[in-house]
Amino acid sequence: MRAYRSFGSLNAPESGGRWMQSILVNTFRDGLRKQDRRVEEVAVDDIEGFSLYRTIADEDPFPYSDSLHLDFLRSFGREDVHEVLMRMPDLYRAPLVLRYMQGFATKEIATMLDAPLGTVLARLHRGRKLFERELWAYARDTDLLQEGDSG
């Protein structure tokens, strides 16, 4: 409805997609504010020690592979990635989706989320680490590693 009401203010029709995405992000952000809830933050200590690459190498889910990391990542489908993202707190999911799925620049994300640039950079960093940890947990929970696991 916001886009429909503001359609007259769209100056360049070719930028309509980005304009619509900005409206959707703003609506999402406003919804979070209305809920007046505290977003779950993840402590740095909880995620900084985890390395997906090291964990894959240590656990060796795909024996005799020269490309362990890539083999692991190839085992995930689109639905799996979506499920992993949905497990993450909004605080980290929103910047990751805007940056890596929608292609927004970090400065644009900071503007859309009404957060300082440094805060967005920190959330992206923590979000990537949390995503890796959740990806591994999801693979374990759903037996995604069973096919390549020898024991």
C-alpha atoms as a PDB file:
ATOM      1  CA  MET A   1       0.000   0.000   0.000  1.00  0.00           C
ATOM      2  CA  ARG A   2       2.862   2.371   0.743  1.00  0.00           C
ATOM      3  CA  ALA A   3       4.281   1.874  -2.740  1.00  0.00           C
ATOM      4  CA  TYR A   4       0.884   2.404  -4.330  1.00  0.00           C
ATOM      5  CA  ARG A   5       0.287   5.621  -2.380  1.00  0.00           C
ATOM      6  CA  SER A   6       3.773   6.933  -3.176  1.00  0.00           C
ATOM      7  CA  PHE A   7       3.931   5.835  -6.799  1.00  0.00           C
ATOM      8  CA  GLY A   8       3.675   9.444  -7.969  1.00  0.00           C
ATOM      9  CA  SER A   9       6.950  10.271  -6.221  1.00  0.00           C
ATOM     10  CA  LEU A  10       8.923   7.695  -8.264  1.00  0.00           C
ATOM     11  CA  ASN A  11      11.093   9.838 -10.560  1.00  0.00           C
ATOM     12  CA  ALA A  12      12.923   7.138 -12.530  1.00  0.00           C
ATOM     13  CA  PRO A  13      10.843   4.093 -13.525  1.00  0.00           C
ATOM     14  CA  GLU A  14      14.023   2.065 -14.196  1.00  0.00           C
ATOM     15  CA  SER A  15      14.883   2.233 -10.481  1.00  0.00           C
ATOM     16  CA  GLY A  16      11.470   0.909  -9.471  1.00  0.00           C
ATOM     17  CA  GLY A  17      12.848  -2.403  -8.192  1.00  0.00           C
ATOM     18  CA  ARG A  18      15.277  -0.780  -5.759  1.00  0.00           C
ATOM     19  CA  TRP A  19      12.604   1.738  -4.762  1.00  0.00           C
ATOM     20  CA  MET A  20      10.183  -1.097  -3.972  1.00  0.00           C
ATOM     21  CA  GLN A  21      12.845  -3.009  -2.009  1.00  0.00           C
ATOM     22  CA  SER A  22      13.571   0.096   0.045  1.00  0.00           C
ATOM     23  CA  ILE A  23       9.880   0.421   0.860  1.00  0.00           C
ATOM     24  CA  LEU A  24       9.730  -3.246   1.890  1.00  0.00           C
ATOM     25  CA  VAL A  25      12.808  -2.899   4.106  1.00  0.00           C
ATOM     26  CA  ASN A  26      11.409   0.250   5.708  1.00  0.00           C
ATOM     27  CA  THR A  27       8.089  -1.489   6.328  1.00  0.00           C
ATOM     28  CA  PHE A  28       9.898  -4.441   7.902  1.00  0.00           C
ATOM     29  CA  ARG A  29      11.967  -2.121  10.091  1.00  0.00           C
ATOM     30  CA  ASP A  30       8.870  -0.199  11.155  1.00  0.00           C
ATOM     31  CA  GLY A  31       7.180  -3.490  12.039  1.00  0.00           C
ATOM     32  CA  LEU A  32      10.068  -4.413  14.309  1.00  0.00           C
ATOM     33  CA  ARG A  33       9.818  -1.054  16.026  1.00  0.00           C
ATOM     34  CA  LYS A  34       6.087  -1.485  16.555  1.00  0.00           C
ATOM     35  CA  GLN A  35       6.614  -4.844  18.172  1.00  0.00           C
ATOM     36  CA  ASP A  36       8.859  -3.043  20.656  1.00  0.00           C
ATOM     37  CA  ARG A  37      10.786  -6.162  21.335  1.00  0.00           C
ATOM     38  CA  ARG A  38      14.403  -6.664  22.036  1.00  0.00           C
ATOM     39  CA  VAL A  39      16.235  -8.403  19.211  1.00  0.00           C
ATOM     40  CA  GLU A  40      18.374 -11.353  20.256  1.00  0.00           C
ATOM     41  CA  GLU A  41      22.035 -10.512  19.951  1.00  0.00           C
ATOM     42  CA  VAL A  42      24.657 -13.208  19.724  1.00  0.00           C
ATOM     43  CA  ALA A  43      27.774 -12.728  21.832  1.00  0.00           C
ATOM     44  CA  VAL A  44      31.006 -12.456  19.887  1.00  0.00           C
ATOM     45  CA  ASP A  45      32.525 -15.260  21.968  1.00  0.00           C
ATOM     46  CA  ASP A  46      29.735 -17.592  20.836  1.00  0.00           C
ATOM     47  CA  ILE A  47      30.592 -17.298  17.151  1.00  0.00           C
ATOM     48  CA  GLU A  48      34.142 -16.026  16.756  1.00  0.00           C
ATOM     49  CA  GLY A  49      35.730 -19.343  17.713  1.00  0.00           C
ATOM     50  CA  PHE A  50      33.867 -21.303  15.018  1.00  0.00           C
ATOM     51  CA  SER A  51      35.448 -21.840  11.605  1.00  0.00           C
ATOM     52  CA  LEU A  52      33.423 -23.737   9.038  1.00  0.00           C
ATOM     53  CA  TYR A  53      36.520 -24.521   7.019  1.00  0.00           C
ATOM     54  CA  ARG A  54      38.410 -25.908  10.054  1.00  0.00           C
ATOM     55  CA  THR A  55      35.366 -27.872  11.221  1.00  0.00           C
ATOM     56  CA  ILE A  56      34.902 -29.480   7.813  1.00  0.00           C
ATOM     57  CA  ALA A  57      38.598 -30.373   7.638  1.00  0.00           C
ATOM     58  CA  ASP A  58      38.566 -31.805  11.180  1.00  0.00           C
ATOM     59  CA  GLU A  59      35.317 -33.758  10.802  1.00  0.00           C
ATOM     60  CA  ASP A  60      36.080 -34.821   7.200  1.00  0.00           C
ATOM     61  CA  PRO A  61      32.472 -35.487   6.112  1.00  0.00           C
ATOM     62  CA  PHE A  62      33.585 -36.211   2.545  1.00  0.00           C
ATOM     63  CA  PRO A  63      36.575 -38.562   2.736  1.00  0.00           C
ATOM     64  CA  TYR A  64      39.037 -38.660  -0.135  1.00  0.00           C
ATOM     65  CA  SER A  65      37.917 -35.278  -1.440  1.00  0.00           C
ATOM     66  CA  ASP A  66      40.305 -32.607  -2.665  1.00  0.00           C
ATOM     67  CA  SER A  67      37.590 -29.971  -2.338  1.00  0.00           C
ATOM     68  CA  LEU A  68      36.003 -30.608   1.081  1.00  0.00           C
ATOM     69  CA  HIS A  69      34.675 -27.082   1.526  1.00  0.00           C
ATOM     70  CA  LEU A  70      33.046 -26.952  -1.911  1.00  0.00           C
ATOM     71  CA  ASP A  71      31.627 -30.465  -1.572  1.00  0.00           C
ATOM     72  CA  PHE A  72      30.031 -29.437   1.718  1.00  0.00           C
ATOM     73  CA  LEU A  73      28.513 -26.268   0.244  1.00  0.00           C
ATOM     74  CA  ARG A  74      27.208 -28.119  -2.830  1.00  0.00           C
ATOM     75  CA  SER A  75      25.178 -30.414  -0.592  1.00  0.00           C
ATOM     76  CA  PHE A  76      22.799 -27.535   0.262  1.00  0.00           C
ATOM     77  CA  GLY A  77      19.776 -26.663  -1.816  1.00  0.00           C
ATOM     78  CA  ARG A  78      17.943 -23.356  -1.966  1.00  0.00           C
ATOM     79  CA  GLU A  79      15.424 -24.544   0.637  1.00  0.00           C
ATOM     80  CA  ASP A  80      18.237 -25.544   2.987  1.00  0.00           C
ATOM     81  CA  VAL A  81      19.829 -22.094   2.792  1.00  0.00           C
ATOM     82  CA  HIS A  82      16.427 -20.492   3.413  1.00  0.00           C
ATOM     83  CA  GLU A  83      15.895 -22.691   6.475  1.00  0.00           C
ATOM     84  CA  VAL A  84      19.316 -21.795   7.864  1.00  0.00           C
ATOM     85  CA  LEU A  85      18.599 -18.092   7.357  1.00  0.00           C
ATOM     86  CA  MET A  86      15.259 -18.423   9.146  1.00  0.00           C
ATOM     87  CA  ARG A  87      17.064 -19.891  12.189  1.00  0.00           C
ATOM     88  CA  MET A  88      19.071 -16.690  12.557  1.00  0.00           C
ATOM     89  CA  PRO A  89      17.979 -13.610  14.521  1.00  0.00           C
ATOM     90  CA  ASP A  90      16.560 -10.784  12.361  1.00  0.00           C
ATOM     91  CA  LEU A  91      19.366  -8.542  13.563  1.00  0.00           C
ATOM     92  CA  TYR A  92      21.856 -10.556  11.493  1.00  0.00           C
ATOM     93  CA  ARG A  93      19.583 -12.023   8.822  1.00  0.00           C
ATOM     94  CA  ALA A  94      18.403  -8.685   7.410  1.00  0.00           C
ATOM     95  CA  PRO A  95      21.876  -7.291   6.568  1.00  0.00           C
ATOM     96  CA  LEU A  96      22.988 -10.636   5.096  1.00  0.00           C
ATOM     97  CA  VAL A  97      19.959 -10.905   2.828  1.00  0.00           C
ATOM     98  CA  LEU A  98      20.224  -7.282   1.732  1.00  0.00           C
ATOM     99  CA  ARG A  99      23.949  -7.588   0.982  1.00  0.00           C
ATOM    100  CA  TYR A 100      24.368 -11.057  -0.469  1.00  0.00           C
ATOM    101  CA  MET A 101      20.957 -11.808  -1.938  1.00  0.00           C
ATOM    102  CA  GLN A 102      19.714  -8.367  -2.940  1.00  0.00           C
ATOM    103  CA  GLY A 103      23.108  -6.838  -3.791  1.00  0.00           C
ATOM    104  CA  PHE A 104      22.806  -3.622  -1.800  1.00  0.00           C
ATOM    105  CA  ALA A 105      25.978  -1.747  -0.860  1.00  0.00           C
ATOM    106  CA  THR A 106      26.838  -1.620   2.834  1.00  0.00           C
ATOM    107  CA  LYS A 107      26.167   2.140   2.994  1.00  0.00           C
ATOM    108  CA  GLU A 108      22.721   1.594   1.484  1.00  0.00           C
ATOM    109  CA  ILE A 109      21.987  -1.093   4.054  1.00  0.00           C
ATOM    110  CA  ALA A 110      23.044   1.247   6.853  1.00  0.00           C
ATOM    111  CA  THR A 111      20.615   3.857   5.537  1.00  0.00           C
ATOM    112  CA  MET A 112      17.777   1.355   5.100  1.00  0.00           C
ATOM    113  CA  LEU A 113      18.211  -0.144   8.557  1.00  0.00           C
ATOM    114  CA  ASP A 114      18.823   3.254  10.136  1.00  0.00           C
ATOM    115  CA  ALA A 115      22.047   2.023  11.707  1.00  0.00           C
ATOM    116  CA  PRO A 116      25.618   3.359  11.687  1.00  0.00           C
ATOM    117  CA  LEU A 117      27.905   1.925   9.010  1.00  0.00           C
ATOM    118  CA  GLY A 118      30.200   0.348  11.612  1.00  0.00           C
ATOM    119  CA  THR A 119      27.239  -1.386  13.216  1.00  0.00           C
ATOM    120  CA  VAL A 120      26.143  -2.831   9.866  1.00  0.00           C
ATOM    121  CA  LEU A 121      29.698  -4.012   9.146  1.00  0.00           C
ATOM    122  CA  ALA A 122      29.833  -5.723  12.547  1.00  0.00           C
ATOM    123  CA  ARG A 123      26.427  -7.338  11.978  1.00  0.00           C
ATOM    124  CA  LEU A 124      27.532  -8.592   8.568  1.00  0.00           C
ATOM    125  CA  HIS A 125      30.688 -10.085  10.066  1.00  0.00           C
ATOM    126  CA  ARG A 126      28.864 -11.719  12.962  1.00  0.00           C
ATOM    127  CA  GLY A 127      26.046 -12.743  10.641  1.00  0.00           C
ATOM    128  CA  ARG A 128      28.436 -14.556   8.293  1.00  0.00           C
ATOM    129  CA  LYS A 129      30.051 -16.396  11.209  1.00  0.00           C
ATOM    130  CA  LEU A 130      26.647 -17.260  12.679  1.00  0.00           C
ATOM    131  CA  PHE A 131      25.445 -18.414   9.242  1.00  0.00           C
ATOM    132  CA  GLU A 132      28.433 -20.764   8.957  1.00  0.00           C
ATOM    133  CA  ARG A 133      27.771 -22.188  12.410  1.00  0.00           C
ATOM    134  CA  GLU A 134      24.065 -22.635  11.674  1.00  0.00           C
ATOM    135  CA  LEU A 135      24.886 -24.218   8.301  1.00  0.00           C
ATOM    136  CA  TRP A 136      26.992 -26.854  10.040  1.00  0.00           C
ATOM    137  CA  ALA A 137      24.331 -27.444  12.724  1.00  0.00           C
ATOM    138  CA  TYR A 138      21.636 -27.750  10.042  1.00  0.00           C
ATOM    139  CA  ALA A 139      23.738 -30.283   8.115  1.00  0.00           C
ATOM    140  CA  ARG A 140      24.136 -32.333  11.298  1.00  0.00           C
ATOM    141  CA  ASP A 141      20.451 -32.039  12.294  1.00  0.00           C
ATOM    142  CA  THR A 142      19.149 -33.083   8.877  1.00  0.00           C
ATOM    143  CA  ASP A 143      21.713 -35.832   8.244  1.00  0.00           C
ATOM    144  CA  LEU A 144      22.885 -33.937   5.181  1.00  0.00           C
ATOM    145  CA  LEU A 145      26.391 -35.293   5.783  1.00  0.00           C
ATOM    146  CA  GLN A 146      25.333 -38.940   5.894  1.00  0.00           C
ATOM    147  CA  GLU A 147      25.865 -39.584   2.172  1.00  0.00           C
ATOM    148  CA  GLY A 148      29.530 -38.640   2.315  1.00  0.00           C
ATOM    149  CA  ASP A 149      30.165 -39.701   5.904  1.00  0.00           C
ATOM    150  CA  SER A 150      32.034 -42.963   6.256  1.00  0.00           C
ATOM    151  CA  GLY A 151      31.389 -43.425   9.916  1.00  0.00           C
END
